[in-house]
Amino acid sequence: MPLIRVQTSVPSPDKADVEALLSDLSSSLATHLSKPETYVMTAFEADKAMTFAGTPDPACLIEIKSVGTMGGAKTKAMSADFCDKIAAALGVPKNRTYIDFVDSPGAMWGWNGSTFG
């Protein structure tokens, strides 16, 4: 049920580097949320038309969605971790990365022909 989606304006790294990044994000998200990685989904979209602070310099939007409550210390820790990972992997400065955290009610998250609520 956790999802981490990365959208960035930078060109896509090669396939192996993208897969390594997604694998790292997947295991990290599972750890941060104390949820089994078997439920984590990752997505990566590069070469998106984006601006941040009015310029087209490298930028990134990360969406993190999960059933349950993330708030407080969890979101601060995830923000630090994922901004560091994106800066290292893609070269997008941390101050040009936004993260959108969304707590979803179980009834609003479908899987396997049912929902989590």
Protein backbone atom coordinates (compact mmCIF):
# COMPACT_ATOMS: atom_id res chain seq x y z
CA MET A 1 0.00 0.00 0.00
CA PRO A 2 2.86 2.49 0.34
CA LEU A 3 3.72 4.27 -2.90
CA ILE A 4 6.70 6.45 -3.71
CA ARG A 5 6.60 8.24 -7.06
CA VAL A 6 9.48 10.40 -8.29
CA GLN A 7 8.95 12.97 -11.04
CA THR A 8 11.93 14.99 -12.15
CA SER A 9 13.01 17.38 -14.86
CA VAL A 10 16.41 15.75 -15.30
CA PRO A 11 17.07 13.22 -18.07
CA SER A 12 16.65 9.61 -17.07
CA PRO A 13 19.75 7.76 -15.93
CA ASP A 14 20.34 4.38 -17.53
CA LYS A 15 17.91 1.57 -16.73
CA ALA A 16 20.20 -0.14 -14.20
CA ASP A 17 20.65 3.09 -12.23
CA VAL A 18 16.89 3.75 -12.20
CA GLU A 19 16.22 0.20 -11.00
CA ALA A 20 18.85 0.57 -8.27
CA LEU A 21 17.31 3.88 -7.15
CA LEU A 22 13.80 2.40 -7.07
CA SER A 23 15.01 -0.63 -5.13
CA ASP A 24 16.70 1.65 -2.58
CA LEU A 25 13.60 3.85 -2.26
CA SER A 26 11.38 0.79 -1.86
CA SER A 27 13.34 -0.73 0.98
CA SER A 28 13.77 2.64 2.68
CA LEU A 29 10.05 3.43 2.50
CA ALA A 30 9.17 0.03 3.96
CA THR A 31 11.61 0.65 6.81
CA HIS A 32 10.37 4.18 7.53
CA LEU A 33 6.75 3.04 7.62
CA SER A 34 7.37 -0.30 9.34
CA LYS A 35 5.45 -2.05 6.57
CA PRO A 36 6.36 -5.12 4.52
CA GLU A 37 8.21 -4.24 1.33
CA THR A 38 5.98 -6.74 -0.50
CA TYR A 39 3.30 -4.00 -0.55
CA VAL A 40 5.56 -1.09 -1.64
CA MET A 41 5.21 0.31 -5.16
CA THR A 42 7.72 2.67 -6.77
CA ALA A 43 7.47 4.80 -9.91
CA PHE A 44 9.96 7.01 -11.72
CA GLU A 45 9.31 9.62 -14.40
CA ALA A 46 12.16 11.68 -15.87
CA ASP A 47 12.32 14.49 -18.42
CA LYS A 48 9.20 16.17 -17.04
CA ALA A 49 8.64 19.82 -17.90
CA MET A 50 8.99 21.49 -14.51
CA THR A 51 9.92 24.79 -12.95
CA PHE A 52 10.81 25.61 -9.37
CA ALA A 53 11.22 29.18 -8.17
CA GLY A 54 10.48 30.28 -11.72
CA THR A 55 13.41 28.49 -13.33
CA PRO A 56 13.73 25.25 -15.32
CA ASP A 57 16.85 24.18 -13.37
CA PRO A 58 16.77 20.56 -12.13
CA ALA A 59 13.77 19.93 -9.89
CA CYS A 60 11.95 16.98 -8.38
CA LEU A 61 8.55 16.12 -6.94
CA ILE A 62 8.26 13.04 -4.73
CA GLU A 63 4.83 11.69 -3.80
CA ILE A 64 4.56 9.34 -0.85
CA LYS A 65 1.19 7.76 -0.12
CA SER A 66 0.31 5.18 2.49
CA VAL A 67 -2.58 3.79 4.48
CA GLY A 68 -2.21 5.00 8.05
CA THR A 69 -0.63 7.99 9.70
CA MET A 70 2.82 9.23 8.70
CA GLY A 71 3.04 12.67 10.40
CA GLY A 72 5.61 14.26 12.66
CA ALA A 73 8.94 12.55 13.11
CA LYS A 74 8.30 10.02 10.32
CA THR A 75 7.80 12.63 7.61
CA LYS A 76 10.82 14.65 8.77
CA ALA A 77 13.01 11.55 8.68
CA MET A 78 11.68 10.54 5.26
CA SER A 79 12.18 14.04 3.88
CA ALA A 80 15.83 14.06 4.95
CA ASP A 81 16.45 10.53 3.67
CA PHE A 82 14.71 10.81 0.31
CA CYS A 83 16.08 14.30 -0.48
CA ASP A 84 19.59 12.94 0.15
CA LYS A 85 18.95 9.91 -2.06
CA ILE A 86 17.57 12.00 -4.94
CA ALA A 87 20.41 14.52 -4.72
CA ALA A 88 22.98 11.71 -4.86
CA ALA A 89 21.28 9.71 -7.62
CA LEU A 90 19.96 12.49 -9.86
CA GLY A 91 21.88 15.61 -8.90
CA VAL A 92 18.72 17.51 -7.96
CA PRO A 93 19.51 19.88 -5.08
CA LYS A 94 17.54 19.27 -1.90
CA ASN A 95 16.19 22.82 -1.99
CA ARG A 96 14.61 22.08 -5.39
CA THR A 97 12.74 18.97 -4.24
CA TYR A 98 9.22 18.91 -2.84
CA ILE A 99 7.71 15.88 -1.12
CA ASP A 100 3.95 15.41 -0.92
CA PHE A 101 2.98 13.06 1.94
CA VAL A 102 -0.56 11.65 1.76
CA ASP A 103 -2.23 9.50 4.41
CA SER A 104 -4.95 7.48 2.69
CA PRO A 105 -7.87 5.85 4.51
CA GLY A 106 -7.82 2.08 3.99
CA ALA A 107 -11.18 2.15 2.23
CA MET A 108 -9.71 4.53 -0.38
CA TRP A 109 -6.81 2.26 -1.37
CA GLY A 110 -7.65 -0.71 -3.58
CA TRP A 111 -5.64 -3.87 -4.11
CA ASN A 112 -6.25 -7.42 -5.23
CA GLY A 113 -9.94 -6.82 -5.96
CA SER A 114 -10.65 -5.29 -2.56
CA THR A 115 -9.45 -2.43 -0.35
CA PHE A 116 -7.37 -2.10 2.80
CA GLY A 117 -10.31 -0.77 4.80
